Amino acid sequence: MVQTPGPNVNYPTPYDKTDSDDGLFKNADVLWSSAEAAQGSDEDIAVFFASAGYYQCVRQTTCGDESVQAKNPMDQLLNNAPASFEGALLRLKRGTYYYICSRNNNFTNRSQKGVIIVTP
């Protein structure tokens, strides 16, 4: 799951291009996660969701061999992502967030998109 800039877009928003006002994972508090390391920074949570749990954090000092720094790179089609993903329970701040499925999005014949609307 990765954030997109809008409902009709098939590409993800780069994490560093979101800010605390519109960033899906920058506006999230982790209430529970299947990976202890993914309860850390918002950057770790974004990587955890984008890789379907293949990576649990960004830095090796946070989660060791499960980090982006230590683990083998993901296959470009995400074929080495786990078969199942328990994910995390997030509390989001007020806003509208668009996202796509990073694992099952083919751009040509599959476009799995969603929207999360959080109101007060």
PDB file of N, CA and C in Angstrom:
ATOM      1  N   MET A   1       0.850  -1.167   0.000  1.00  0.00           N
ATOM      2  CA  MET A   1       0.000   0.000   0.000  1.00  0.00           C
ATOM      3  C   MET A   1       0.896   1.231   0.000  1.00  0.00           C
ATOM      4  N   VAL A   2       0.703   2.086  -0.993  1.00  0.00           N
ATOM      5  CA  VAL A   2       1.463   3.331  -1.085  1.00  0.00           C
ATOM      6  C   VAL A   2       0.512   4.484  -1.393  1.00  0.00           C
ATOM      7  N   GLN A   3       0.866   5.652  -0.924  1.00  0.00           N
ATOM      8  CA  GLN A   3       0.048   6.836  -1.140  1.00  0.00           C
ATOM      9  C   GLN A   3       0.204   7.327  -2.566  1.00  0.00           C
ATOM     10  N   THR A   4      -0.885   7.876  -3.113  1.00  0.00           N
ATOM     11  CA  THR A   4      -0.856   8.496  -4.436  1.00  0.00           C
ATOM     12  C   THR A   4      -1.348   9.941  -4.303  1.00  0.00           C
ATOM     13  N   PRO A   5      -1.038  10.783  -5.286  1.00  0.00           N
ATOM     14  CA  PRO A   5      -1.467  12.180  -5.187  1.00  0.00           C
ATOM     15  C   PRO A   5      -2.965  12.404  -5.411  1.00  0.00           C
ATOM     16  N   GLY A   6      -3.655  11.443  -6.016  1.00  0.00           N
ATOM     17  CA  GLY A   6      -5.075  11.642  -6.281  1.00  0.00           C
ATOM     18  C   GLY A   6      -5.754  10.369  -6.726  1.00  0.00           C
ATOM     19  N   PRO A   7      -7.072  10.419  -6.905  1.00  0.00           N
ATOM     20  CA  PRO A   7      -7.844   9.215  -7.208  1.00  0.00           C
ATOM     21  C   PRO A   7      -7.637   8.654  -8.614  1.00  0.00           C
ATOM     22  N   ASN A   8      -7.145   9.440  -9.522  1.00  0.00           N
ATOM     23  CA  ASN A   8      -6.979   8.977 -10.905  1.00  0.00           C
ATOM     24  C   ASN A   8      -5.523   8.760 -11.282  1.00  0.00           C
ATOM     25  N   VAL A   9      -4.688   8.532 -10.290  1.00  0.00           N
ATOM     26  CA  VAL A   9      -3.250   8.413 -10.512  1.00  0.00           C
ATOM     27  C   VAL A   9      -2.805   6.980 -10.237  1.00  0.00           C
ATOM     28  N   ASN A  10      -1.952   6.446 -11.109  1.00  0.00           N
ATOM     29  CA  ASN A  10      -1.462   5.070 -10.974  1.00  0.00           C
ATOM     30  C   ASN A  10      -0.022   4.986 -10.508  1.00  0.00           C
ATOM     31  N   TYR A  11       0.505   6.048  -9.956  1.00  0.00           N
ATOM     32  CA  TYR A  11       1.885   6.009  -9.483  1.00  0.00           C
ATOM     33  C   TYR A  11       1.928   6.540  -8.049  1.00  0.00           C
ATOM     34  N   PRO A  12       2.879   6.045  -7.263  1.00  0.00           N
ATOM     35  CA  PRO A  12       2.941   6.480  -5.862  1.00  0.00           C
ATOM     36  C   PRO A  12       3.543   7.872  -5.698  1.00  0.00           C
ATOM     37  N   THR A  13       3.159   8.508  -4.614  1.00  0.00           N
ATOM     38  CA  THR A  13       3.784   9.766  -4.214  1.00  0.00           C
ATOM     39  C   THR A  13       5.078   9.416  -3.491  1.00  0.00           C
ATOM     40  N   PRO A  14       6.215   9.947  -3.927  1.00  0.00           N
ATOM     41  CA  PRO A  14       7.450   9.669  -3.186  1.00  0.00           C
ATOM     42  C   PRO A  14       7.298  10.120  -1.734  1.00  0.00           C
ATOM     43  N   TYR A  15       7.775   9.302  -0.833  1.00  0.00           N
ATOM     44  CA  TYR A  15       7.632   9.589   0.601  1.00  0.00           C
ATOM     45  C   TYR A  15       8.164  10.971   0.954  1.00  0.00           C
ATOM     46  N   ASP A  16       9.303  11.340   0.392  1.00  0.00           N
ATOM     47  CA  ASP A  16       9.900  12.635   0.733  1.00  0.00           C
ATOM     48  C   ASP A  16       9.147  13.816   0.127  1.00  0.00           C
ATOM     49  N   LYS A  17       8.150  13.557  -0.718  1.00  0.00           N
ATOM     50  CA  LYS A  17       7.347  14.629  -1.314  1.00  0.00           C
ATOM     51  C   LYS A  17       6.044  14.856  -0.554  1.00  0.00           C
ATOM     52  N   THR A  18       5.808  14.091   0.518  1.00  0.00           N
ATOM     53  CA  THR A  18       4.635  14.327   1.354  1.00  0.00           C
ATOM     54  C   THR A  18       5.072  15.109   2.580  1.00  0.00           C
ATOM     55  N   ASP A  19       4.143  15.846   3.157  1.00  0.00           N
ATOM     56  CA  ASP A  19       4.467  16.545   4.395  1.00  0.00           C
ATOM     57  C   ASP A  19       3.482  16.129   5.476  1.00  0.00           C
ATOM     58  N   SER A  20       3.611  16.683   6.645  1.00  0.00           N
ATOM     59  CA  SER A  20       2.781  16.253   7.767  1.00  0.00           C
ATOM     60  C   SER A  20       1.312  16.630   7.577  1.00  0.00           C
ATOM     61  N   ASP A  21       1.006  17.501   6.630  1.00  0.00           N
ATOM     62  CA  ASP A  21      -0.392  17.871   6.389  1.00  0.00           C
ATOM     63  C   ASP A  21      -1.112  16.871   5.492  1.00  0.00           C
ATOM     64  N   ASP A  22      -0.403  16.260   4.544  1.00  0.00           N
ATOM     65  CA  ASP A  22      -1.091  15.375   3.607  1.00  0.00           C
ATOM     66  C   ASP A  22      -0.481  13.977   3.518  1.00  0.00           C
ATOM     67  N   GLY A  23       0.493  13.695   4.333  1.00  0.00           N
ATOM     68  CA  GLY A  23       1.144  12.393   4.277  1.00  0.00           C
ATOM     69  C   GLY A  23       0.366  11.324   5.030  1.00  0.00           C
ATOM     70  N   LEU A  24      -0.052  10.283   4.342  1.00  0.00           N
ATOM     71  CA  LEU A  24      -0.808   9.196   4.946  1.00  0.00           C
ATOM     72  C   LEU A  24      -0.075   8.618   6.156  1.00  0.00           C
ATOM     73  N   PHE A  25       1.176   8.254   5.980  1.00  0.00           N
ATOM     74  CA  PHE A  25       1.921   7.637   7.072  1.00  0.00           C
ATOM     75  C   PHE A  25       2.540   8.667   8.012  1.00  0.00           C
ATOM     76  N   LYS A  26       2.689   9.899   7.547  1.00  0.00           N
ATOM     77  CA  LYS A  26       3.182  10.962   8.422  1.00  0.00           C
ATOM     78  C   LYS A  26       2.082  11.428   9.366  1.00  0.00           C
ATOM     79  N   ASN A  27       0.850  11.098   9.055  1.00  0.00           N
ATOM     80  CA  ASN A  27      -0.290  11.458   9.893  1.00  0.00           C
ATOM     81  C   ASN A  27      -0.801  10.270  10.685  1.00  0.00           C
ATOM     82  N   ALA A  28      -0.025   9.218  10.817  1.00  0.00           N
ATOM     83  CA  ALA A  28      -0.490   7.992  11.457  1.00  0.00           C
ATOM     84  C   ALA A  28       0.174   7.755  12.810  1.00  0.00           C
ATOM     85  N   ASP A  29      -0.616   7.284  13.738  1.00  0.00           N
ATOM     86  CA  ASP A  29      -0.114   6.760  15.001  1.00  0.00           C
ATOM     87  C   ASP A  29      -0.315   5.259  14.951  1.00  0.00           C
ATOM     88  N   VAL A  30       0.712   4.497  15.237  1.00  0.00           N
ATOM     89  CA  VAL A  30       0.605   3.045  15.206  1.00  0.00           C
ATOM     90  C   VAL A  30       0.031   2.571  16.537  1.00  0.00           C
ATOM     91  N   LEU A  31      -1.116   1.904  16.475  1.00  0.00           N
ATOM     92  CA  LEU A  31      -1.738   1.337  17.668  1.00  0.00           C
ATOM     93  C   LEU A  31      -1.308  -0.114  17.859  1.00  0.00           C
ATOM     94  N   TRP A  32      -1.061  -0.804  16.764  1.00  0.00           N
ATOM     95  CA  TRP A  32      -0.589  -2.192  16.788  1.00  0.00           C
ATOM     96  C   TRP A  32       0.085  -2.479  15.460  1.00  0.00           C
ATOM     97  N   SER A  33       1.115  -3.298  15.481  1.00  0.00           N
ATOM     98  CA  SER A  33       1.792  -3.724  14.267  1.00  0.00           C
ATOM     99  C   SER A  33       2.253  -5.159  14.422  1.00  0.00           C
ATOM    100  N   SER A  34       2.208  -5.913  13.330  1.00  0.00           N
ATOM    101  CA  SER A  34       2.680  -7.298  13.356  1.00  0.00           C
ATOM    102  C   SER A  34       4.199  -7.357  13.442  1.00  0.00           C
ATOM    103  N   ALA A  35       4.871  -6.246  13.196  1.00  0.00           N
ATOM    104  CA  ALA A  35       6.330  -6.178  13.301  1.00  0.00           C
ATOM    105  C   ALA A  35       6.687  -5.089  14.299  1.00  0.00           C
ATOM    106  N   GLU A  36       7.409  -5.445  15.317  1.00  0.00           N
ATOM    107  CA  GLU A  36       7.754  -4.487  16.372  1.00  0.00           C
ATOM    108  C   GLU A  36       8.501  -3.280  15.821  1.00  0.00           C
ATOM    109  N   ALA A  37       9.407  -3.514  14.877  1.00  0.00           N
ATOM    110  CA  ALA A  37      10.206  -2.420  14.321  1.00  0.00           C
ATOM    111  C   ALA A  37       9.343  -1.420  13.564  1.00  0.00           C
ATOM    112  N   ALA A  38       8.253  -1.884  12.961  1.00  0.00           N
ATOM    113  CA  ALA A  38       7.389  -0.997  12.179  1.00  0.00           C
ATOM    114  C   ALA A  38       6.554  -0.088  13.071  1.00  0.00           C
ATOM    115  N   GLN A  39       6.754  -0.127  14.347  1.00  0.00           N
ATOM    116  CA  GLN A  39       6.053   0.769  15.253  1.00  0.00           C
ATOM    117  C   GLN A  39       6.875   2.022  15.513  1.00  0.00           C
ATOM    118  N   GLY A  40       8.001   2.157  14.829  1.00  0.00           N
ATOM    119  CA  GLY A  40       8.905   3.279  15.042  1.00  0.00           C
ATOM    120  C   GLY A  40       8.501   4.518  14.285  1.00  0.00           C
ATOM    121  N   SER A  41       9.367   4.968  13.430  1.00  0.00           N
ATOM    122  CA  SER A  41       9.152   6.231  12.716  1.00  0.00           C
ATOM    123  C   SER A  41       8.108   6.083  11.618  1.00  0.00           C
ATOM    124  N   ASP A  42       7.581   7.222  11.176  1.00  0.00           N
ATOM    125  CA  ASP A  42       6.613   7.192  10.075  1.00  0.00           C
ATOM    126  C   ASP A  42       7.259   6.674   8.790  1.00  0.00           C
ATOM    127  N   GLU A  43       8.538   6.897   8.625  1.00  0.00           N
ATOM    128  CA  GLU A  43       9.259   6.375   7.459  1.00  0.00           C
ATOM    129  C   GLU A  43       9.303   4.843   7.500  1.00  0.00           C
ATOM    130  N   ASP A  44       9.514   4.266   8.678  1.00  0.00           N
ATOM    131  CA  ASP A  44       9.510   2.814   8.827  1.00  0.00           C
ATOM    132  C   ASP A  44       8.139   2.230   8.509  1.00  0.00           C
ATOM    133  N   ILE A  45       7.096   2.911   8.951  1.00  0.00           N
ATOM    134  CA  ILE A  45       5.735   2.442   8.690  1.00  0.00           C
ATOM    135  C   ILE A  45       5.441   2.483   7.194  1.00  0.00           C
ATOM    136  N   ALA A  46       5.858   3.546   6.515  1.00  0.00           N
ATOM    137  CA  ALA A  46       5.643   3.653   5.074  1.00  0.00           C
ATOM    138  C   ALA A  46       6.360   2.537   4.326  1.00  0.00           C
ATOM    139  N   VAL A  47       7.592   2.235   4.700  1.00  0.00           N
ATOM    140  CA  VAL A  47       8.356   1.160   4.059  1.00  0.00           C
ATOM    141  C   VAL A  47       7.706  -0.197   4.337  1.00  0.00           C
ATOM    142  N   PHE A  48       7.253  -0.390   5.560  1.00  0.00           N
ATOM    143  CA  PHE A  48       6.589  -1.628   5.963  1.00  0.00           C
ATOM    144  C   PHE A  48       5.356  -1.885   5.097  1.00  0.00           C
ATOM    145  N   PHE A  49       4.512  -0.874   4.917  1.00  0.00           N
ATOM    146  CA  PHE A  49       3.310  -1.031   4.096  1.00  0.00           C
ATOM    147  C   PHE A  49       3.637  -1.145   2.611  1.00  0.00           C
ATOM    148  N   ALA A  50       4.569  -0.351   2.119  1.00  0.00           N
ATOM    149  CA  ALA A  50       4.905  -0.386   0.687  1.00  0.00           C
ATOM    150  C   ALA A  50       5.488  -1.725   0.268  1.00  0.00           C
ATOM    151  N   SER A  51       6.182  -2.382   1.182  1.00  0.00           N
ATOM    152  CA  SER A  51       6.815  -3.666   0.841  1.00  0.00           C
ATOM    153  C   SER A  51       6.011  -4.868   1.330  1.00  0.00           C
ATOM    154  N   ALA A  52       4.795  -4.639   1.810  1.00  0.00           N
ATOM    155  CA  ALA A  52       3.942  -5.708   2.347  1.00  0.00           C
ATOM    156  C   ALA A  52       4.663  -6.514   3.420  1.00  0.00           C
ATOM    157  N   GLY A  53       5.471  -5.836   4.206  1.00  0.00           N
ATOM    158  CA  GLY A  53       6.161  -6.480   5.305  1.00  0.00           C
ATOM    159  C   GLY A  53       7.514  -7.076   4.976  1.00  0.00           C
ATOM    160  N   TYR A  54       7.925  -7.025   3.706  1.00  0.00           N
ATOM    161  CA  TYR A  54       9.242  -7.556   3.333  1.00  0.00           C
ATOM    162  C   TYR A  54      10.329  -6.810   4.099  1.00  0.00           C
ATOM    163  N   TYR A  55      10.209  -5.492   4.137  1.00  0.00           N
ATOM    164  CA  TYR A  55      11.082  -4.670   4.970  1.00  0.00           C
ATOM    165  C   TYR A  55      10.286  -4.247   6.197  1.00  0.00           C
ATOM    166  N   GLN A  56      10.906  -4.281   7.363  1.00  0.00           N
ATOM    167  CA  GLN A  56      10.218  -3.864   8.578  1.00  0.00           C
ATOM    168  C   GLN A  56      10.632  -2.476   9.038  1.00  0.00           C
ATOM    169  N   CYS A  57      11.728  -1.979   8.487  1.00  0.00           N
ATOM    170  CA  CYS A  57      12.185  -0.632   8.821  1.00  0.00           C
ATOM    171  C   CYS A  57      13.205  -0.203   7.773  1.00  0.00           C
ATOM    172  N   VAL A  58      13.681   1.014   7.894  1.00  0.00           N
ATOM    173  CA  VAL A  58      14.645   1.555   6.938  1.00  0.00           C
ATOM    174  C   VAL A  58      16.079   1.232   7.353  1.00  0.00           C
ATOM    175  N   ARG A  59      16.408   1.500   8.601  1.00  0.00           N
ATOM    176  CA  ARG A  59      17.804   1.401   9.055  1.00  0.00           C
ATOM    177  C   ARG A  59      18.109   0.100   9.787  1.00  0.00           C
ATOM    178  N   GLN A  60      19.288  -0.418   9.540  1.00  0.00           N
ATOM    179  CA  GLN A  60      19.725  -1.662  10.154  1.00  0.00           C
ATOM    180  C   GLN A  60      19.801  -1.538  11.675  1.00  0.00           C
ATOM    181  N   THR A  61      20.086  -0.364  12.178  1.00  0.00           N
ATOM    182  CA  THR A  61      20.171  -0.182  13.631  1.00  0.00           C
ATOM    183  C   THR A  61      18.807  -0.330  14.310  1.00  0.00           C
ATOM    184  N   THR A  62      17.729  -0.201  13.549  1.00  0.00           N
ATOM    185  CA  THR A  62      16.383  -0.326  14.113  1.00  0.00           C
ATOM    186  C   THR A  62      15.892  -1.765  14.133  1.00  0.00           C
ATOM    187  N   CYS A  63      16.051  -2.487  13.003  1.00  0.00           N
ATOM    188  CA  CYS A  63      15.486  -3.843  12.943  1.00  0.00           C
ATOM    189  C   CYS A  63      16.444  -4.870  12.346  1.00  0.00           C
ATOM    190  N   GLY A  64      17.710  -4.567  12.317  1.00  0.00           N
ATOM    191  CA  GLY A  64      18.707  -5.549  11.893  1.00  0.00           C
ATOM    192  C   GLY A  64      18.551  -6.042  10.476  1.00  0.00           C
ATOM    193  N   ASP A  65      18.482  -7.363  10.330  1.00  0.00           N
ATOM    194  CA  ASP A  65      18.460  -7.993   9.005  1.00  0.00           C
ATOM    195  C   ASP A  65      17.159  -7.780   8.238  1.00  0.00           C
ATOM    196  N   GLU A  66      16.144  -7.233   8.866  1.00  0.00           N
ATOM    197  CA  GLU A  66      14.853  -6.992   8.202  1.00  0.00           C
ATOM    198  C   GLU A  66      14.750  -5.581   7.633  1.00  0.00           C
ATOM    199  N   SER A  67      15.848  -4.840   7.628  1.00  0.00           N
ATOM    200  CA  SER A  67      15.845  -3.445   7.189  1.00  0.00           C
ATOM    201  C   SER A  67      16.141  -3.310   5.699  1.00  0.00           C
ATOM    202  N   VAL A  68      15.823  -2.147   5.161  1.00  0.00           N
ATOM    203  CA  VAL A  68      16.148  -1.823   3.770  1.00  0.00           C
ATOM    204  C   VAL A  68      17.665  -1.857   3.576  1.00  0.00           C
ATOM    205  N   GLN A  69      18.411  -1.405   4.573  1.00  0.00           N
ATOM    206  CA  GLN A  69      19.869  -1.372   4.463  1.00  0.00           C
ATOM    207  C   GLN A  69      20.486  -2.768   4.417  1.00  0.00           C
ATOM    208  N   ALA A  70      19.895  -3.743   5.092  1.00  0.00           N
ATOM    209  CA  ALA A  70      20.532  -5.056   5.225  1.00  0.00           C
ATOM    210  C   ALA A  70      19.970  -6.133   4.302  1.00  0.00           C
ATOM    211  N   LYS A  71      18.717  -6.053   3.969  1.00  0.00           N
ATOM    212  CA  LYS A  71      18.055  -7.129   3.228  1.00  0.00           C
ATOM    213  C   LYS A  71      18.273  -6.972   1.729  1.00  0.00           C
ATOM    214  N   ASN A  72      18.216  -8.074   0.999  1.00  0.00           N
ATOM    215  CA  ASN A  72      18.316  -8.021  -0.460  1.00  0.00           C
ATOM    216  C   ASN A  72      17.224  -7.123  -1.022  1.00  0.00           C
ATOM    217  N   PRO A  73      17.510  -6.437  -2.133  1.00  0.00           N
ATOM    218  CA  PRO A  73      16.493  -5.563  -2.729  1.00  0.00           C
ATOM    219  C   PRO A  73      15.251  -6.341  -3.149  1.00  0.00           C
ATOM    220  N   MET A  74      14.127  -5.646  -3.143  1.00  0.00           N
ATOM    221  CA  MET A  74      12.887  -6.275  -3.598  1.00  0.00           C
ATOM    222  C   MET A  74      12.931  -6.459  -5.104  1.00  0.00           C
ATOM    223  N   ASP A  75      12.347  -7.534  -5.557  1.00  0.00           N
ATOM    224  CA  ASP A  75      12.139  -7.774  -6.975  1.00  0.00           C
ATOM    225  C   ASP A  75      11.272  -6.637  -7.520  1.00  0.00           C
ATOM    226  N   GLN A  76      11.491  -6.196  -8.742  1.00  0.00           N
ATOM    227  CA  GLN A  76      10.749  -5.051  -9.269  1.00  0.00           C
ATOM    228  C   GLN A  76       9.245  -5.298  -9.342  1.00  0.00           C
ATOM    229  N   LEU A  77       8.828  -6.559  -9.385  1.00  0.00           N
ATOM    230  CA  LEU A  77       7.404  -6.882  -9.376  1.00  0.00           C
ATOM    231  C   LEU A  77       6.912  -7.235  -7.969  1.00  0.00           C
ATOM    232  N   LEU A  78       7.774  -7.076  -6.978  1.00  0.00           N
ATOM    233  CA  LEU A  78       7.484  -7.371  -5.578  1.00  0.00           C
ATOM    234  C   LEU A  78       7.185  -8.853  -5.353  1.00  0.00           C
ATOM    235  N   ASN A  79       7.719  -9.710  -6.210  1.00  0.00           N
ATOM    236  CA  ASN A  79       7.458 -11.138  -6.087  1.00  0.00           C
ATOM    237  C   ASN A  79       8.079 -11.766  -4.851  1.00  0.00           C
ATOM    238  N   ASN A  80       9.052 -11.129  -4.242  1.00  0.00           N
ATOM    239  CA  ASN A  80       9.640 -11.699  -3.030  1.00  0.00           C
ATOM    240  C   ASN A  80       8.987 -11.138  -1.760  1.00  0.00           C
ATOM    241  N   ALA A  81       7.878 -10.439  -1.912  1.00  0.00           N
ATOM    242  CA  ALA A  81       7.099 -10.000  -0.747  1.00  0.00           C
ATOM    243  C   ALA A  81       6.428 -11.222  -0.126  1.00  0.00           C
ATOM    244  N   PRO A  82       6.163 -11.182   1.168  1.00  0.00           N
ATOM    245  CA  PRO A  82       5.509 -12.322   1.817  1.00  0.00           C
ATOM    246  C   PRO A  82       4.145 -12.630   1.192  1.00  0.00           C
ATOM    247  N   ALA A  83       3.740 -13.883   1.290  1.00  0.00           N
ATOM    248  CA  ALA A  83       2.443 -14.301   0.730  1.00  0.00           C
ATOM    249  C   ALA A  83       1.272 -13.694   1.497  1.00  0.00           C
ATOM    250  N   SER A  84       1.454 -13.431   2.776  1.00  0.00           N
ATOM    251  CA  SER A  84       0.414 -12.786   3.565  1.00  0.00           C
ATOM    252  C   SER A  84       1.034 -11.645   4.375  1.00  0.00           C
ATOM    253  N   PHE A  85       0.186 -10.702   4.739  1.00  0.00           N
ATOM    254  CA  PHE A  85       0.667  -9.504   5.429  1.00  0.00           C
ATOM    255  C   PHE A  85      -0.336  -9.142   6.510  1.00  0.00           C
ATOM    256  N   GLU A  86       0.079  -9.241   7.760  1.00  0.00           N
ATOM    257  CA  GLU A  86      -0.821  -8.927   8.866  1.00  0.00           C
ATOM    258  C   GLU A  86      -0.986  -7.430   9.066  1.00  0.00           C
ATOM    259  N   GLY A  87      -0.031  -6.654   8.620  1.00  0.00           N
ATOM    260  CA  GLY A  87      -0.155  -5.207   8.627  1.00  0.00           C
ATOM    261  C   GLY A  87      -0.060  -4.557   9.982  1.00  0.00           C
ATOM    262  N   ALA A  88      -0.829  -3.484  10.140  1.00  0.00           N
ATOM    263  CA  ALA A  88      -0.797  -2.694  11.359  1.00  0.00           C
ATOM    264  C   ALA A  88      -2.132  -1.977  11.516  1.00  0.00           C
ATOM    265  N   LEU A  89      -2.424  -1.599  12.727  1.00  0.00           N
ATOM    266  CA  LEU A  89      -3.601  -0.799  13.019  1.00  0.00           C
ATOM    267  C   LEU A  89      -3.126   0.630  13.239  1.00  0.00           C
ATOM    268  N   LEU A  90      -3.604   1.535  12.383  1.00  0.00           N
ATOM    269  CA  LEU A  90      -3.168   2.929  12.427  1.00  0.00           C
ATOM    270  C   LEU A  90      -4.316   3.847  12.818  1.00  0.00           C
ATOM    271  N   ARG A  91      -4.001   4.907  13.539  1.00  0.00           N
ATOM    272  CA  ARG A  91      -4.959   5.973  13.792  1.00  0.00           C
ATOM    273  C   ARG A  91      -4.488   7.156  12.959  1.00  0.00           C
ATOM    274  N   LEU A  92      -5.328   7.575  12.018  1.00  0.00           N
ATOM    275  CA  LEU A  92      -4.966   8.660  11.106  1.00  0.00           C
ATOM    276  C   LEU A  92      -5.573   9.980  11.564  1.00  0.00           C
ATOM    277  N   LYS A  93      -4.887  11.035  11.235  1.00  0.00           N
ATOM    278  CA  LYS A  93      -5.409  12.369  11.507  1.00  0.00           C
ATOM    279  C   LYS A  93      -6.413  12.742  10.414  1.00  0.00           C
ATOM    280  N   ARG A  94      -7.192  13.743  10.673  1.00  0.00           N
ATOM    281  CA  ARG A  94      -8.219  14.194   9.741  1.00  0.00           C
ATOM    282  C   ARG A  94      -7.615  14.499   8.376  1.00  0.00           C
ATOM    283  N   GLY A  95      -8.292  14.042   7.316  1.00  0.00           N
ATOM    284  CA  GLY A  95      -7.827  14.301   5.966  1.00  0.00           C
ATOM    285  C   GLY A  95      -8.361  13.282   4.981  1.00  0.00           C
ATOM    286  N   THR A  96      -7.995  13.458   3.738  1.00  0.00           N
ATOM    287  CA  THR A  96      -8.353  12.530   2.668  1.00  0.00           C
ATOM    288  C   THR A  96      -7.058  11.972   2.097  1.00  0.00           C
ATOM    289  N   TYR A  97      -6.960  10.651   2.044  1.00  0.00           N
ATOM    290  CA  TYR A  97      -5.741   9.980   1.617  1.00  0.00           C
ATOM    291  C   TYR A  97      -6.067   9.007   0.491  1.00  0.00           C
ATOM    292  N   TYR A  98      -5.328   9.105  -0.600  1.00  0.00           N
ATOM    293  CA  TYR A  98      -5.494   8.197  -1.730  1.00  0.00           C
ATOM    294  C   TYR A  98      -4.338   7.211  -1.734  1.00  0.00           C
ATOM    295  N   TYR A  99      -4.617   5.978  -2.117  1.00  0.00           N
ATOM    296  CA  TYR A  99      -3.569   4.958  -2.119  1.00  0.00           C
ATOM    297  C   TYR A  99      -3.821   3.925  -3.209  1.00  0.00           C
ATOM    298  N   ILE A 100      -2.771   3.180  -3.534  1.00  0.00           N
ATOM    299  CA  ILE A 100      -2.873   2.051  -4.455  1.00  0.00           C
ATOM    300  C   ILE A 100      -2.221   0.837  -3.803  1.00  0.00           C
ATOM    301  N   CYS A 101      -2.566  -0.301  -4.324  1.00  0.00           N
ATOM    302  CA  CYS A 101      -1.940  -1.548  -3.881  1.00  0.00           C
ATOM    303  C   CYS A 101      -0.600  -1.672  -4.600  1.00  0.00           C
ATOM    304  N   SER A 102       0.484  -1.663  -3.849  1.00  0.00           N
ATOM    305  CA  SER A 102       1.809  -1.722  -4.467  1.00  0.00           C
ATOM    306  C   SER A 102       2.118  -3.109  -5.017  1.00  0.00           C
ATOM    307  N   ARG A 103       1.484  -4.130  -4.507  1.00  0.00           N
ATOM    308  CA  ARG A 103       1.795  -5.505  -4.921  1.00  0.00           C
ATOM    309  C   ARG A 103       1.017  -5.933  -6.157  1.00  0.00           C
ATOM    310  N   ASN A 104      -0.206  -5.511  -6.277  1.00  0.00           N
ATOM    311  CA  ASN A 104      -1.064  -6.037  -7.345  1.00  0.00           C
ATOM    312  C   ASN A 104      -1.526  -4.935  -8.290  1.00  0.00           C
ATOM    313  N   ASN A 105      -0.645  -4.026  -8.622  1.00  0.00           N
ATOM    314  CA  ASN A 105      -0.976  -2.937  -9.528  1.00  0.00           C
ATOM    315  C   ASN A 105      -0.154  -3.109 -10.798  1.00  0.00           C
ATOM    316  N   ASN A 106      -0.804  -3.350 -11.917  1.00  0.00           N
ATOM    317  CA  ASN A 106      -0.106  -3.640 -13.156  1.00  0.00           C
ATOM    318  C   ASN A 106      -0.071  -2.457 -14.117  1.00  0.00           C
ATOM    319  N   PHE A 107      -0.702  -1.368 -13.806  1.00  0.00           N
ATOM    320  CA  PHE A 107      -0.749  -0.144 -14.618  1.00  0.00           C
ATOM    321  C   PHE A 107      -1.517  -0.326 -15.924  1.00  0.00           C
ATOM    322  N   THR A 108      -1.486  -1.515 -16.524  1.00  0.00           N
ATOM    323  CA  THR A 108      -2.163  -1.701 -17.801  1.00  0.00           C
ATOM    324  C   THR A 108      -3.525  -2.346 -17.637  1.00  0.00           C
ATOM    325  N   ASN A 109      -3.628  -3.357 -16.783  1.00  0.00           N
ATOM    326  CA  ASN A 109      -4.912  -4.035 -16.679  1.00  0.00           C
ATOM    327  C   ASN A 109      -5.414  -4.194 -15.245  1.00  0.00           C
ATOM    328  N   ARG A 110      -4.643  -3.770 -14.254  1.00  0.00           N
ATOM    329  CA  ARG A 110      -5.099  -3.826 -12.863  1.00  0.00           C
ATOM    330  C   ARG A 110      -4.768  -2.499 -12.204  1.00  0.00           C
ATOM    331  N   SER A 111      -5.765  -1.881 -11.670  1.00  0.00           N
ATOM    332  CA  SER A 111      -5.558  -0.601 -11.007  1.00  0.00           C
ATOM    333  C   SER A 111      -6.355  -0.616  -9.713  1.00  0.00           C
ATOM    334  N   GLN A 112      -5.759  -1.142  -8.669  1.00  0.00           N
ATOM    335  CA  GLN A 112      -6.457  -1.248  -7.393  1.00  0.00           C
ATOM    336  C   GLN A 112      -6.160  -0.015  -6.561  1.00  0.00           C
ATOM    337  N   LYS A 113      -7.169   0.828  -6.427  1.00  0.00           N
ATOM    338  CA  LYS A 113      -7.030   2.116  -5.745  1.00  0.00           C
ATOM    339  C   LYS A 113      -8.028   2.210  -4.620  1.00  0.00           C
ATOM    340  N   GLY A 114      -7.740   3.107  -3.698  1.00  0.00           N
ATOM    341  CA  GLY A 114      -8.655   3.342  -2.609  1.00  0.00           C
ATOM    342  C   GLY A 114      -8.531   4.744  -2.086  1.00  0.00           C
ATOM    343  N   VAL A 115      -9.484   5.103  -1.253  1.00  0.00           N
ATOM    344  CA  VAL A 115      -9.470   6.404  -0.594  1.00  0.00           C
ATOM    345  C   VAL A 115      -9.860   6.190   0.868  1.00  0.00           C
ATOM    346  N   ILE A 116      -9.175   6.916   1.738  1.00  0.00           N
ATOM    347  CA  ILE A 116      -9.504   6.917   3.149  1.00  0.00           C
ATOM    348  C   ILE A 116      -9.867   8.356   3.501  1.00  0.00           C
ATOM    349  N   ILE A 117     -11.069   8.540   4.041  1.00  0.00           N
ATOM    350  CA  ILE A 117     -11.521   9.866   4.448  1.00  0.00           C
ATOM    351  C   ILE A 117     -11.717   9.833   5.953  1.00  0.00           C
ATOM    352  N   VAL A 118     -10.957  10.657   6.653  1.00  0.00           N
ATOM    353  CA  VAL A 118     -11.042  10.722   8.105  1.00  0.00           C
ATOM    354  C   VAL A 118     -11.668  12.066   8.466  1.00  0.00           C
ATOM    355  N   THR A 119     -12.790  12.012   9.149  1.00  0.00           N
ATOM    356  CA  THR A 119     -13.485  13.231   9.570  1.00  0.00           C
ATOM    357  C   THR A 119     -13.489  13.291  11.100  1.00  0.00           C
ATOM    358  N   PRO A 120     -13.683  14.480  11.642  1.00  0.00           N
ATOM    359  CA  PRO A 120     -13.669  14.603  13.115  1.00  0.00           C
ATOM    360  C   PRO A 120     -14.829  13.882  13.769  1.00  0.00           C
TER     361      PRO A 120
END
